[in-house]
Amino acid sequence: MMNDKLATKIRASGKRKTSVAKIRVLEGNGLVSYNKVLLQNLKMFHRLALLEPIRIYEEVVGKPNYDFYIQVNGGGKESQIQAARLAIARALVALAKRPELKEAYLKYDRHMLVADIRRKEQRKPGDSKARAKRQKSYR
């Protein structure tokens, strides 16, 4: 039988471009693991981006007593971080069940709860890039 502490509190996901982040939130003391790497071992700006939703949660609700285990696949490093940030915020909103937390996230940055659906524009046939056109010669 599974220990109560290890029982999954909630699962959430976030997407950005082709990156998909899946998060598992368990009872704990604020540990954040990103692709099996602790938050302290990440680069500074990546660490700050992942801490943003947690800091807003602390201001509105209080200190979260959960551990966050994030697994990200696909895309580049920056889109993976943004997908993880989205997943953390969605998980915290689902856990807290408070409308003021949701409003705080939306007021700070809408992309904390709503996925950014922009994608790379498709390359057009006969042209070199998505928007670049063939040069015209008059001579």
N, C-alpha and C. Protein backbone atom coordinates (compact mmCIF):
# COMPACT_ATOMS: atom_id res chain seq x y z
N MET A 1 0.85 -1.19 0.00
CA MET A 1 0.00 0.00 0.00
C MET A 1 0.89 1.24 0.00
N MET A 2 0.44 2.29 -0.68
CA MET A 2 1.22 3.52 -0.81
C MET A 2 1.10 4.38 0.45
N ASN A 3 2.21 4.95 0.85
CA ASN A 3 2.25 5.84 2.00
C ASN A 3 1.43 7.10 1.70
N ASP A 4 0.74 7.65 2.72
CA ASP A 4 -0.09 8.85 2.51
C ASP A 4 0.72 10.03 2.02
N LYS A 5 1.96 10.17 2.52
CA LYS A 5 2.79 11.30 2.12
C LYS A 5 3.15 11.22 0.63
N LEU A 6 3.30 10.00 0.12
CA LEU A 6 3.67 9.82 -1.28
C LEU A 6 2.48 9.85 -2.23
N ALA A 7 1.26 9.85 -1.67
CA ALA A 7 0.08 9.89 -2.52
C ALA A 7 0.05 11.21 -3.29
N THR A 8 -0.21 11.13 -4.57
CA THR A 8 -0.21 12.32 -5.41
C THR A 8 -1.34 13.25 -5.01
N LYS A 9 -0.99 14.49 -4.74
CA LYS A 9 -2.00 15.49 -4.43
C LYS A 9 -2.71 15.91 -5.71
N ILE A 10 -1.90 16.27 -6.72
CA ILE A 10 -2.50 16.76 -7.96
C ILE A 10 -1.49 16.62 -9.09
N ARG A 11 -1.99 16.53 -10.28
CA ARG A 11 -1.18 16.52 -11.49
C ARG A 11 -1.68 17.64 -12.39
N ALA A 12 -0.76 18.30 -13.07
CA ALA A 12 -1.13 19.37 -14.00
C ALA A 12 -0.13 19.38 -15.14
N SER A 13 -0.46 20.10 -16.20
CA SER A 13 0.47 20.19 -17.32
C SER A 13 0.43 21.59 -17.92
N GLY A 14 1.48 21.91 -18.66
CA GLY A 14 1.58 23.18 -19.34
C GLY A 14 2.28 22.99 -20.66
N LYS A 15 1.91 23.78 -21.65
CA LYS A 15 2.51 23.68 -22.97
C LYS A 15 3.02 25.03 -23.43
N ARG A 16 4.12 25.02 -24.18
CA ARG A 16 4.64 26.21 -24.83
C ARG A 16 5.38 25.74 -26.07
N LYS A 17 4.98 26.23 -27.23
CA LYS A 17 5.51 25.77 -28.51
C LYS A 17 5.40 24.24 -28.56
N THR A 18 6.52 23.52 -28.64
CA THR A 18 6.42 22.06 -28.68
C THR A 18 6.81 21.42 -27.36
N SER A 19 7.01 22.22 -26.32
CA SER A 19 7.38 21.70 -25.00
C SER A 19 6.12 21.35 -24.21
N VAL A 20 6.19 20.23 -23.52
CA VAL A 20 5.09 19.82 -22.65
C VAL A 20 5.67 19.52 -21.28
N ALA A 21 5.16 20.21 -20.27
CA ALA A 21 5.60 20.02 -18.89
C ALA A 21 4.50 19.32 -18.11
N LYS A 22 4.88 18.27 -17.38
CA LYS A 22 3.94 17.57 -16.51
C LYS A 22 4.46 17.72 -15.09
N ILE A 23 3.56 18.07 -14.18
CA ILE A 23 3.95 18.31 -12.80
C ILE A 23 3.16 17.40 -11.87
N ARG A 24 3.86 16.89 -10.87
CA ARG A 24 3.26 16.09 -9.80
C ARG A 24 3.49 16.85 -8.52
N VAL A 25 2.43 17.13 -7.79
CA VAL A 25 2.53 17.89 -6.54
C VAL A 25 2.20 16.95 -5.38
N LEU A 26 3.15 16.84 -4.44
CA LEU A 26 2.98 15.97 -3.28
C LEU A 26 3.10 16.79 -2.01
N GLU A 27 2.62 16.23 -0.89
CA GLU A 27 2.83 16.87 0.41
C GLU A 27 4.33 16.95 0.66
N GLY A 28 4.79 18.06 1.19
CA GLY A 28 6.22 18.20 1.45
C GLY A 28 6.54 19.54 2.05
N ASN A 29 7.76 20.03 1.74
CA ASN A 29 8.20 21.29 2.35
C ASN A 29 8.79 22.26 1.33
N GLY A 30 8.26 22.29 0.11
CA GLY A 30 8.67 23.30 -0.86
C GLY A 30 9.79 22.89 -1.79
N LEU A 31 10.11 21.62 -1.89
CA LEU A 31 11.14 21.14 -2.80
C LEU A 31 10.66 21.24 -4.25
N VAL A 32 11.50 21.78 -5.14
CA VAL A 32 11.15 21.87 -6.56
C VAL A 32 12.20 21.11 -7.35
N SER A 33 11.76 20.10 -8.08
CA SER A 33 12.65 19.27 -8.89
C SER A 33 12.25 19.44 -10.35
N TYR A 34 13.20 19.85 -11.19
CA TYR A 34 12.94 20.10 -12.61
C TYR A 34 13.76 19.11 -13.42
N ASN A 35 13.12 18.18 -14.09
CA ASN A 35 13.81 17.11 -14.83
C ASN A 35 14.85 16.42 -13.96
N LYS A 36 14.45 16.07 -12.74
CA LYS A 36 15.29 15.39 -11.75
C LYS A 36 16.50 16.21 -11.30
N VAL A 37 16.46 17.52 -11.51
CA VAL A 37 17.51 18.43 -11.05
C VAL A 37 16.85 19.40 -10.06
N LEU A 38 17.49 19.59 -8.92
CA LEU A 38 16.93 20.51 -7.93
C LEU A 38 16.97 21.94 -8.45
N LEU A 39 16.03 22.74 -8.00
CA LEU A 39 15.89 24.12 -8.45
C LEU A 39 17.16 24.93 -8.22
N GLN A 40 17.87 24.68 -7.12
CA GLN A 40 19.08 25.43 -6.80
C GLN A 40 20.19 25.23 -7.84
N ASN A 41 20.14 24.13 -8.59
CA ASN A 41 21.18 23.83 -9.56
C ASN A 41 20.89 24.37 -10.96
N LEU A 42 19.76 25.07 -11.13
CA LEU A 42 19.42 25.65 -12.43
C LEU A 42 20.05 27.03 -12.58
N LYS A 43 20.06 27.54 -13.80
CA LYS A 43 20.56 28.89 -14.05
C LYS A 43 19.63 29.90 -13.37
N MET A 44 20.18 31.07 -13.05
CA MET A 44 19.45 32.05 -12.25
C MET A 44 18.10 32.45 -12.86
N PHE A 45 18.07 32.80 -14.15
CA PHE A 45 16.82 33.28 -14.74
C PHE A 45 15.80 32.15 -14.86
N HIS A 46 16.25 30.94 -15.09
CA HIS A 46 15.34 29.79 -15.12
C HIS A 46 14.76 29.55 -13.72
N ARG A 47 15.62 29.69 -12.72
CA ARG A 47 15.18 29.51 -11.33
C ARG A 47 14.15 30.57 -10.96
N LEU A 48 14.41 31.82 -11.35
CA LEU A 48 13.47 32.91 -11.05
C LEU A 48 12.14 32.71 -11.76
N ALA A 49 12.17 32.25 -13.01
CA ALA A 49 10.93 32.03 -13.76
C ALA A 49 10.09 30.94 -13.10
N LEU A 50 10.73 29.89 -12.60
CA LEU A 50 9.98 28.81 -11.95
C LEU A 50 9.48 29.21 -10.57
N LEU A 51 10.16 30.16 -9.93
CA LEU A 51 9.74 30.60 -8.60
C LEU A 51 8.62 31.64 -8.63
N GLU A 52 8.41 32.31 -9.77
CA GLU A 52 7.38 33.36 -9.86
C GLU A 52 6.01 32.89 -9.38
N PRO A 53 5.46 31.79 -9.91
CA PRO A 53 4.13 31.39 -9.44
C PRO A 53 4.10 31.02 -7.95
N ILE A 54 5.22 30.49 -7.44
CA ILE A 54 5.28 30.11 -6.03
C ILE A 54 5.31 31.36 -5.15
N ARG A 55 6.03 32.39 -5.58
CA ARG A 55 6.10 33.65 -4.81
C ARG A 55 4.71 34.32 -4.75
N ILE A 56 3.99 34.33 -5.86
CA ILE A 56 2.65 34.93 -5.87
C ILE A 56 1.73 34.12 -4.95
N TYR A 57 1.85 32.80 -4.98
CA TYR A 57 1.07 31.94 -4.09
C TYR A 57 1.35 32.29 -2.62
N GLU A 58 2.63 32.52 -2.30
CA GLU A 58 3.01 32.87 -0.92
C GLU A 58 2.37 34.18 -0.48
N GLU A 59 2.30 35.16 -1.41
CA GLU A 59 1.70 36.45 -1.06
C GLU A 59 0.21 36.34 -0.81
N VAL A 60 -0.48 35.53 -1.61
CA VAL A 60 -1.94 35.46 -1.53
C VAL A 60 -2.41 34.43 -0.49
N VAL A 61 -1.82 33.25 -0.50
CA VAL A 61 -2.31 32.15 0.34
C VAL A 61 -1.41 31.89 1.54
N GLY A 62 -0.12 31.89 1.34
CA GLY A 62 0.83 31.54 2.40
C GLY A 62 1.85 30.56 1.85
N LYS A 63 2.74 30.11 2.70
CA LYS A 63 3.81 29.21 2.25
C LYS A 63 3.22 27.88 1.79
N PRO A 64 3.58 27.43 0.58
CA PRO A 64 3.07 26.13 0.12
C PRO A 64 3.84 24.98 0.79
N ASN A 65 3.11 24.03 1.35
CA ASN A 65 3.78 22.88 1.96
C ASN A 65 3.64 21.68 1.02
N TYR A 66 4.13 21.88 -0.21
CA TYR A 66 4.09 20.86 -1.25
C TYR A 66 5.46 20.73 -1.90
N ASP A 67 5.73 19.55 -2.43
CA ASP A 67 6.91 19.33 -3.27
C ASP A 67 6.45 19.26 -4.71
N PHE A 68 7.22 19.87 -5.62
CA PHE A 68 6.87 19.92 -7.03
C PHE A 68 7.88 19.10 -7.83
N TYR A 69 7.38 18.11 -8.56
CA TYR A 69 8.24 17.29 -9.42
C TYR A 69 7.81 17.54 -10.86
N ILE A 70 8.68 18.22 -11.62
CA ILE A 70 8.35 18.64 -12.98
C ILE A 70 9.16 17.82 -13.96
N GLN A 71 8.49 17.30 -14.99
CA GLN A 71 9.15 16.57 -16.06
C GLN A 71 8.76 17.25 -17.38
N VAL A 72 9.76 17.65 -18.18
CA VAL A 72 9.48 18.40 -19.41
C VAL A 72 10.10 17.68 -20.60
N ASN A 73 9.35 17.61 -21.70
CA ASN A 73 9.83 17.00 -22.94
C ASN A 73 9.58 17.93 -24.11
N GLY A 74 10.44 17.84 -25.13
CA GLY A 74 10.24 18.58 -26.37
C GLY A 74 10.65 20.03 -26.28
N GLY A 75 10.81 20.65 -27.45
CA GLY A 75 11.11 22.07 -27.52
C GLY A 75 12.51 22.42 -27.06
N GLY A 76 12.74 23.72 -26.88
CA GLY A 76 14.02 24.23 -26.43
C GLY A 76 14.00 24.53 -24.95
N LYS A 77 15.13 24.97 -24.43
CA LYS A 77 15.26 25.21 -22.99
C LYS A 77 14.29 26.28 -22.48
N GLU A 78 14.19 27.39 -23.22
CA GLU A 78 13.33 28.50 -22.75
C GLU A 78 11.86 28.11 -22.79
N SER A 79 11.42 27.45 -23.85
CA SER A 79 10.01 27.06 -23.91
C SER A 79 9.70 25.98 -22.88
N GLN A 80 10.69 25.15 -22.53
CA GLN A 80 10.49 24.16 -21.48
C GLN A 80 10.28 24.84 -20.13
N ILE A 81 11.06 25.88 -19.86
CA ILE A 81 10.90 26.62 -18.60
C ILE A 81 9.54 27.30 -18.55
N GLN A 82 9.10 27.90 -19.66
CA GLN A 82 7.80 28.56 -19.69
C GLN A 82 6.66 27.56 -19.52
N ALA A 83 6.81 26.37 -20.11
CA ALA A 83 5.80 25.32 -19.94
C ALA A 83 5.73 24.87 -18.48
N ALA A 84 6.89 24.75 -17.84
CA ALA A 84 6.94 24.34 -16.43
C ALA A 84 6.32 25.41 -15.54
N ARG A 85 6.58 26.67 -15.84
CA ARG A 85 6.01 27.80 -15.08
C ARG A 85 4.48 27.77 -15.16
N LEU A 86 3.97 27.51 -16.35
CA LEU A 86 2.52 27.40 -16.56
C LEU A 86 1.95 26.24 -15.76
N ALA A 87 2.64 25.10 -15.77
CA ALA A 87 2.18 23.92 -15.04
C ALA A 87 2.15 24.17 -13.53
N ILE A 88 3.17 24.84 -13.01
CA ILE A 88 3.23 25.14 -11.56
C ILE A 88 2.04 26.02 -11.17
N ALA A 89 1.81 27.08 -11.94
CA ALA A 89 0.71 28.00 -11.61
C ALA A 89 -0.64 27.29 -11.68
N ARG A 90 -0.84 26.47 -12.70
CA ARG A 90 -2.11 25.74 -12.82
C ARG A 90 -2.31 24.78 -11.65
N ALA A 91 -1.25 24.11 -11.24
CA ALA A 91 -1.35 23.17 -10.13
C ALA A 91 -1.68 23.90 -8.83
N LEU A 92 -1.04 25.05 -8.60
CA LEU A 92 -1.30 25.80 -7.37
C LEU A 92 -2.73 26.35 -7.33
N VAL A 93 -3.25 26.78 -8.49
CA VAL A 93 -4.64 27.26 -8.54
C VAL A 93 -5.60 26.11 -8.24
N ALA A 94 -5.30 24.93 -8.79
CA ALA A 94 -6.16 23.76 -8.53
C ALA A 94 -6.10 23.34 -7.06
N LEU A 95 -4.94 23.47 -6.44
CA LEU A 95 -4.80 23.10 -5.03
C LEU A 95 -5.49 24.09 -4.10
N ALA A 96 -5.29 25.39 -4.37
CA ALA A 96 -5.81 26.42 -3.47
C ALA A 96 -7.32 26.59 -3.60
N LYS A 97 -7.85 26.45 -4.80
CA LYS A 97 -9.29 26.64 -5.06
C LYS A 97 -9.77 28.01 -4.58
N ARG A 98 -8.93 29.03 -4.84
CA ARG A 98 -9.28 30.39 -4.42
C ARG A 98 -9.31 31.29 -5.64
N PRO A 99 -10.40 32.04 -5.83
CA PRO A 99 -10.48 32.93 -7.00
C PRO A 99 -9.48 34.08 -6.94
N GLU A 100 -9.11 34.52 -5.71
CA GLU A 100 -8.16 35.64 -5.62
C GLU A 100 -6.76 35.25 -6.09
N LEU A 101 -6.40 33.97 -5.95
CA LEU A 101 -5.10 33.51 -6.46
C LEU A 101 -5.10 33.52 -7.98
N LYS A 102 -6.19 33.04 -8.55
CA LYS A 102 -6.32 33.03 -10.01
C LYS A 102 -6.26 34.45 -10.56
N GLU A 103 -6.95 35.37 -9.90
CA GLU A 103 -6.93 36.77 -10.33
C GLU A 103 -5.53 37.37 -10.20
N ALA A 104 -4.81 37.01 -9.15
CA ALA A 104 -3.44 37.52 -8.95
C ALA A 104 -2.53 37.04 -10.07
N TYR A 105 -2.65 35.79 -10.46
CA TYR A 105 -1.85 35.27 -11.58
C TYR A 105 -2.19 35.98 -12.88
N LEU A 106 -3.48 36.14 -13.15
CA LEU A 106 -3.90 36.78 -14.40
C LEU A 106 -3.48 38.25 -14.43
N LYS A 107 -3.52 38.91 -13.29
CA LYS A 107 -3.12 40.32 -13.24
C LYS A 107 -1.61 40.47 -13.44
N TYR A 108 -0.83 39.55 -12.85
CA TYR A 108 0.63 39.62 -12.97
C TYR A 108 1.07 39.28 -14.39
N ASP A 109 0.62 38.13 -14.90
CA ASP A 109 0.98 37.70 -16.24
C ASP A 109 -0.05 36.67 -16.69
N ARG A 110 -0.78 37.00 -17.74
CA ARG A 110 -1.84 36.12 -18.23
C ARG A 110 -1.31 34.75 -18.64
N HIS A 111 -0.05 34.71 -19.10
CA HIS A 111 0.52 33.45 -19.58
C HIS A 111 0.94 32.50 -18.45
N MET A 112 0.62 32.88 -17.21
CA MET A 112 0.84 31.94 -16.12
C MET A 112 -0.27 30.91 -16.06
N LEU A 113 -1.44 31.27 -16.56
CA LEU A 113 -2.57 30.33 -16.53
C LEU A 113 -3.09 29.96 -17.91
N VAL A 114 -2.85 30.82 -18.89
CA VAL A 114 -3.35 30.59 -20.25
C VAL A 114 -2.15 30.31 -21.15
N ALA A 115 -2.20 29.19 -21.85
CA ALA A 115 -1.08 28.81 -22.72
C ALA A 115 -0.94 29.79 -23.88
N ASP A 116 0.29 30.07 -24.24
CA ASP A 116 0.59 30.92 -25.40
C ASP A 116 0.57 30.01 -26.62
N ILE A 117 -0.42 30.18 -27.48
CA ILE A 117 -0.64 29.22 -28.57
C ILE A 117 0.09 29.59 -29.86
N ARG A 118 0.91 30.66 -29.82
CA ARG A 118 1.61 31.04 -31.04
C ARG A 118 2.58 29.95 -31.47
N ARG A 119 2.66 29.74 -32.78
CA ARG A 119 3.57 28.76 -33.35
C ARG A 119 4.36 29.41 -34.46
N LYS A 120 5.41 28.75 -34.90
CA LYS A 120 6.23 29.25 -35.99
C LYS A 120 5.40 29.24 -37.26
N GLU A 121 5.50 30.33 -38.04
CA GLU A 121 4.73 30.41 -39.28
C GLU A 121 5.30 29.46 -40.32
N GLN A 122 4.40 28.84 -41.06
CA GLN A 122 4.80 27.85 -42.05
C GLN A 122 5.52 28.50 -43.23
N ARG A 123 6.53 27.80 -43.75
CA ARG A 123 7.27 28.26 -44.92
C ARG A 123 6.39 28.11 -46.15
N LYS A 124 6.38 29.15 -47.01
CA LYS A 124 5.52 29.12 -48.20
C LYS A 124 6.26 28.46 -49.36
N PRO A 125 5.56 27.72 -50.20
CA PRO A 125 6.23 27.07 -51.33
C PRO A 125 6.78 28.08 -52.33
N GLY A 126 7.98 27.83 -52.80
CA GLY A 126 8.61 28.72 -53.78
C GLY A 126 9.36 29.88 -53.16
N ASP A 127 9.22 30.07 -51.87
CA ASP A 127 9.92 31.16 -51.18
C ASP A 127 10.94 30.57 -50.22
N SER A 128 11.88 31.42 -49.80
CA SER A 128 12.94 30.92 -48.94
C SER A 128 12.52 30.80 -47.48
N LYS A 129 11.71 31.77 -46.99
CA LYS A 129 11.28 31.76 -45.60
C LYS A 129 9.79 32.04 -45.53
N ALA A 130 9.25 32.08 -44.31
CA ALA A 130 7.81 32.24 -44.13
C ALA A 130 7.29 33.55 -44.72
N ARG A 131 8.01 34.64 -44.52
CA ARG A 131 7.54 35.95 -45.00
C ARG A 131 8.40 36.53 -46.10
N ALA A 132 9.61 36.02 -46.27
CA ALA A 132 10.51 36.57 -47.29
C ALA A 132 9.98 36.22 -48.68
N LYS A 133 10.04 37.18 -49.59
CA LYS A 133 9.59 36.95 -50.96
C LYS A 133 10.80 36.95 -51.89
N ARG A 134 10.63 36.37 -53.05
CA ARG A 134 11.70 36.37 -54.05
C ARG A 134 11.97 37.80 -54.50
N GLN A 135 13.23 38.13 -54.68
CA GLN A 135 13.57 39.47 -55.13
C GLN A 135 13.24 39.63 -56.61
N LYS A 136 12.77 40.82 -56.95
CA LYS A 136 12.41 41.12 -58.33
C LYS A 136 13.54 41.88 -58.99
N SER A 137 13.88 41.49 -60.21
CA SER A 137 14.95 42.16 -60.94
C SER A 137 14.33 42.93 -62.10
N TYR A 138 14.68 44.20 -62.26
CA TYR A 138 14.12 45.02 -63.34
C TYR A 138 15.07 45.09 -64.52
N ARG A 139 16.25 44.51 -64.44
CA ARG A 139 17.18 44.57 -65.56
C ARG A 139 17.59 43.19 -66.01
